[in-house]
Amino acid sequence: MIFDILSKYSSVISDYQVIKYRFFKTSYEVILKITIKDDSILFVRDYLFTDGKRKYSFHWQNPDEDCIYRWDNVPHHQKTNTFPFHKHIGKTEIVKNSEVMNLEEVLLFIENHI
């Protein structure tokens, strides 16, 4: 499935590296480094645990390693309306509300913004 998503967005992806890819019956662990055609990089960490809880971070940065966007569900921004889901925007990483994200939604967002 993940490779289908990467293939679907090959128009914006110039390269990708699978750092960790493990699927089990009811859980998974995926860590990727995706180079976008504009030389920005998307770091993906996505975990689904056996108890059904999910932890993710999609960190998109420019070639200078400044944050463009990062979507995650680390429970540290309790004042967001979508807690624990939030996004960080720009080099100063302004925190805003965000819905639950997945790799396909992030790649679609990137496709629409480059």
C-alpha atoms as a PDB file:
ATOM      1  CA  MET A   1       0.000   0.000   0.000  1.00  0.00           C
ATOM      2  CA  ILE A   2       2.693   2.519   0.939  1.00  0.00           C
ATOM      3  CA  PHE A   3       4.562   1.821  -2.285  1.00  0.00           C
ATOM      4  CA  ASP A   4       1.340   2.420  -4.227  1.00  0.00           C
ATOM      5  CA  ILE A   5       1.090   5.847  -2.597  1.00  0.00           C
ATOM      6  CA  LEU A   6       4.719   6.655  -3.416  1.00  0.00           C
ATOM      7  CA  SER A   7       4.129   5.583  -7.008  1.00  0.00           C
ATOM      8  CA  LYS A   8       0.955   7.671  -7.246  1.00  0.00           C
ATOM      9  CA  TYR A   9       2.894  10.813  -6.290  1.00  0.00           C
ATOM     10  CA  SER A  10       5.980  10.087  -8.410  1.00  0.00           C
ATOM     11  CA  SER A  11       5.371  13.397 -10.190  1.00  0.00           C
ATOM     12  CA  VAL A  12       6.549  15.232  -7.043  1.00  0.00           C
ATOM     13  CA  ILE A  13       8.977  12.643  -5.627  1.00  0.00           C
ATOM     14  CA  SER A  14      12.510  12.493  -6.995  1.00  0.00           C
ATOM     15  CA  ASP A  15      13.757   9.800  -4.606  1.00  0.00           C
ATOM     16  CA  TYR A  16      12.888   7.992  -1.417  1.00  0.00           C
ATOM     17  CA  GLN A  17      14.686   5.913   1.157  1.00  0.00           C
ATOM     18  CA  VAL A  18      12.953   3.270   3.238  1.00  0.00           C
ATOM     19  CA  ILE A  19      14.608   3.422   6.642  1.00  0.00           C
ATOM     20  CA  LYS A  20      12.214   1.045   8.364  1.00  0.00           C
ATOM     21  CA  TYR A  21       9.177  -0.799   7.038  1.00  0.00           C
ATOM     22  CA  ARG A  22       7.551  -3.430   9.219  1.00  0.00           C
ATOM     23  CA  PHE A  23       3.981  -4.640   9.028  1.00  0.00           C
ATOM     24  CA  PHE A  24       2.354  -7.040  11.433  1.00  0.00           C
ATOM     25  CA  LYS A  25      -1.195  -8.381  11.672  1.00  0.00           C
ATOM     26  CA  THR A  26      -2.624  -5.327  13.458  1.00  0.00           C
ATOM     27  CA  SER A  27       0.263  -2.850  13.583  1.00  0.00           C
ATOM     28  CA  TYR A  28       2.987  -1.245  11.509  1.00  0.00           C
ATOM     29  CA  GLU A  29       6.108   0.883  11.670  1.00  0.00           C
ATOM     30  CA  VAL A  30       7.153   3.050   8.719  1.00  0.00           C
ATOM     31  CA  ILE A  31      10.097   5.442   8.574  1.00  0.00           C
ATOM     32  CA  LEU A  32      10.898   7.108   5.246  1.00  0.00           C
ATOM     33  CA  LYS A  33      12.990   9.916   3.839  1.00  0.00           C
ATOM     34  CA  ILE A  34      11.406  11.316   0.681  1.00  0.00           C
ATOM     35  CA  THR A  35      13.172  13.831  -1.542  1.00  0.00           C
ATOM     36  CA  ILE A  36      10.753  16.121  -3.331  1.00  0.00           C
ATOM     37  CA  LYS A  37      11.509  17.380  -6.850  1.00  0.00           C
ATOM     38  CA  ASP A  38      12.185  20.907  -5.539  1.00  0.00           C
ATOM     39  CA  ASP A  39      14.962  19.413  -3.309  1.00  0.00           C
ATOM     40  CA  SER A  40      12.889  19.727  -0.145  1.00  0.00           C
ATOM     41  CA  ILE A  41      12.694  16.633   2.061  1.00  0.00           C
ATOM     42  CA  LEU A  42       9.800  14.908   3.766  1.00  0.00           C
ATOM     43  CA  PHE A  43      10.644  12.776   6.798  1.00  0.00           C
ATOM     44  CA  VAL A  44       7.923  10.263   7.623  1.00  0.00           C
ATOM     45  CA  ARG A  45       7.440   8.432  10.918  1.00  0.00           C
ATOM     46  CA  ASP A  46       4.190   6.537  11.225  1.00  0.00           C
ATOM     47  CA  TYR A  47       3.376   3.875  13.801  1.00  0.00           C
ATOM     48  CA  LEU A  48       0.219   1.929  14.481  1.00  0.00           C
ATOM     49  CA  PHE A  49       0.431   0.005  17.731  1.00  0.00           C
ATOM     50  CA  THR A  50      -1.329  -3.277  18.513  1.00  0.00           C
ATOM     51  CA  ASP A  51      -3.733  -1.440  20.848  1.00  0.00           C
ATOM     52  CA  GLY A  52      -4.955   0.688  17.894  1.00  0.00           C
ATOM     53  CA  LYS A  53      -3.176   3.894  18.938  1.00  0.00           C
ATOM     54  CA  ARG A  54      -1.284   5.720  16.225  1.00  0.00           C
ATOM     55  CA  LYS A  55       1.735   8.014  16.451  1.00  0.00           C
ATOM     56  CA  TYR A  56       2.898  10.013  13.434  1.00  0.00           C
ATOM     57  CA  SER A  57       5.089  12.846  12.271  1.00  0.00           C
ATOM     58  CA  PHE A  58       5.407  14.170   8.726  1.00  0.00           C
ATOM     59  CA  HIS A  59       8.197  16.755   8.679  1.00  0.00           C
ATOM     60  CA  TRP A  60       8.645  18.669   5.406  1.00  0.00           C
ATOM     61  CA  GLN A  61      11.736  20.850   5.296  1.00  0.00           C
ATOM     62  CA  ASN A  62      13.517  22.980   2.718  1.00  0.00           C
ATOM     63  CA  PRO A  63      17.096  22.279   1.541  1.00  0.00           C
ATOM     64  CA  ASP A  64      18.397  24.590   4.297  1.00  0.00           C
ATOM     65  CA  GLU A  65      16.702  22.258   6.837  1.00  0.00           C
ATOM     66  CA  ASP A  66      14.096  24.859   7.840  1.00  0.00           C
ATOM     67  CA  CYS A  67      10.626  23.544   8.598  1.00  0.00           C
ATOM     68  CA  ILE A  68       8.059  24.159   5.889  1.00  0.00           C
ATOM     69  CA  TYR A  69       5.316  22.136   7.611  1.00  0.00           C
ATOM     70  CA  ARG A  70       5.240  19.397  10.206  1.00  0.00           C
ATOM     71  CA  TRP A  71       2.115  17.447  11.061  1.00  0.00           C
ATOM     72  CA  ASP A  72       2.126  15.315  14.188  1.00  0.00           C
ATOM     73  CA  ASN A  73       0.075  14.055  17.083  1.00  0.00           C
ATOM     74  CA  VAL A  74       2.551  14.383  19.946  1.00  0.00           C
ATOM     75  CA  PRO A  75       0.354  15.511  22.867  1.00  0.00           C
ATOM     76  CA  HIS A  76       2.207  18.717  23.753  1.00  0.00           C
ATOM     77  CA  HIS A  77       0.001  21.487  22.321  1.00  0.00           C
ATOM     78  CA  GLN A  78      -3.068  21.103  24.499  1.00  0.00           C
ATOM     79  CA  LYS A  79      -4.580  24.460  23.497  1.00  0.00           C
ATOM     80  CA  THR A  80      -5.222  23.417  19.901  1.00  0.00           C
ATOM     81  CA  ASN A  81      -8.846  22.624  19.071  1.00  0.00           C
ATOM     82  CA  THR A  82      -7.734  19.423  17.364  1.00  0.00           C
ATOM     83  CA  PHE A  83      -5.498  18.204  20.238  1.00  0.00           C
ATOM     84  CA  PRO A  84      -3.375  16.134  19.995  1.00  0.00           C
ATOM     85  CA  PHE A  85      -3.348  16.666  16.211  1.00  0.00           C
ATOM     86  CA  HIS A  86      -1.561  19.825  15.086  1.00  0.00           C
ATOM     87  CA  LYS A  87       0.801  21.265  12.511  1.00  0.00           C
ATOM     88  CA  HIS A  88       3.886  23.447  12.693  1.00  0.00           C
ATOM     89  CA  ILE A  89       4.225  26.056   9.961  1.00  0.00           C
ATOM     90  CA  GLY A  90       7.399  27.707   8.703  1.00  0.00           C
ATOM     91  CA  LYS A  91      10.823  28.294  10.123  1.00  0.00           C
ATOM     92  CA  THR A  92       9.342  29.688  13.343  1.00  0.00           C
ATOM     93  CA  GLU A  93       7.070  26.623  13.571  1.00  0.00           C
ATOM     94  CA  ILE A  94       3.830  28.413  14.370  1.00  0.00           C
ATOM     95  CA  VAL A  95       1.416  25.801  15.760  1.00  0.00           C
ATOM     96  CA  LYS A  96      -2.064  25.502  14.230  1.00  0.00           C
ATOM     97  CA  ASN A  97      -4.973  23.074  14.362  1.00  0.00           C
ATOM     98  CA  SER A  98      -4.738  20.055  12.088  1.00  0.00           C
ATOM     99  CA  GLU A  99      -6.823  17.030  11.318  1.00  0.00           C
ATOM    100  CA  VAL A 100      -5.407  13.514  11.423  1.00  0.00           C
ATOM    101  CA  MET A 101      -2.985  13.152   8.529  1.00  0.00           C
ATOM    102  CA  ASN A 102      -1.616  10.262   6.528  1.00  0.00           C
ATOM    103  CA  LEU A 103       1.094   9.959   3.886  1.00  0.00           C
ATOM    104  CA  GLU A 104      -1.232  10.349   0.934  1.00  0.00           C
ATOM    105  CA  GLU A 105      -2.799  13.540   2.322  1.00  0.00           C
ATOM    106  CA  VAL A 106       0.634  15.006   3.015  1.00  0.00           C
ATOM    107  CA  LEU A 107       1.914  14.203  -0.487  1.00  0.00           C
ATOM    108  CA  LEU A 108      -1.232  15.702  -2.004  1.00  0.00           C
ATOM    109  CA  PHE A 109      -0.683  18.839   0.080  1.00  0.00           C
ATOM    110  CA  ILE A 110       2.937  19.035  -1.111  1.00  0.00           C
ATOM    111  CA  GLU A 111       1.894  18.447  -4.715  1.00  0.00           C
ATOM    112  CA  ASN A 112      -0.487  21.408  -4.448  1.00  0.00           C
ATOM    113  CA  HIS A 113       2.156  23.666  -2.863  1.00  0.00           C
ATOM    114  CA  ILE A 114       5.234  23.209  -5.020  1.00  0.00           C
END
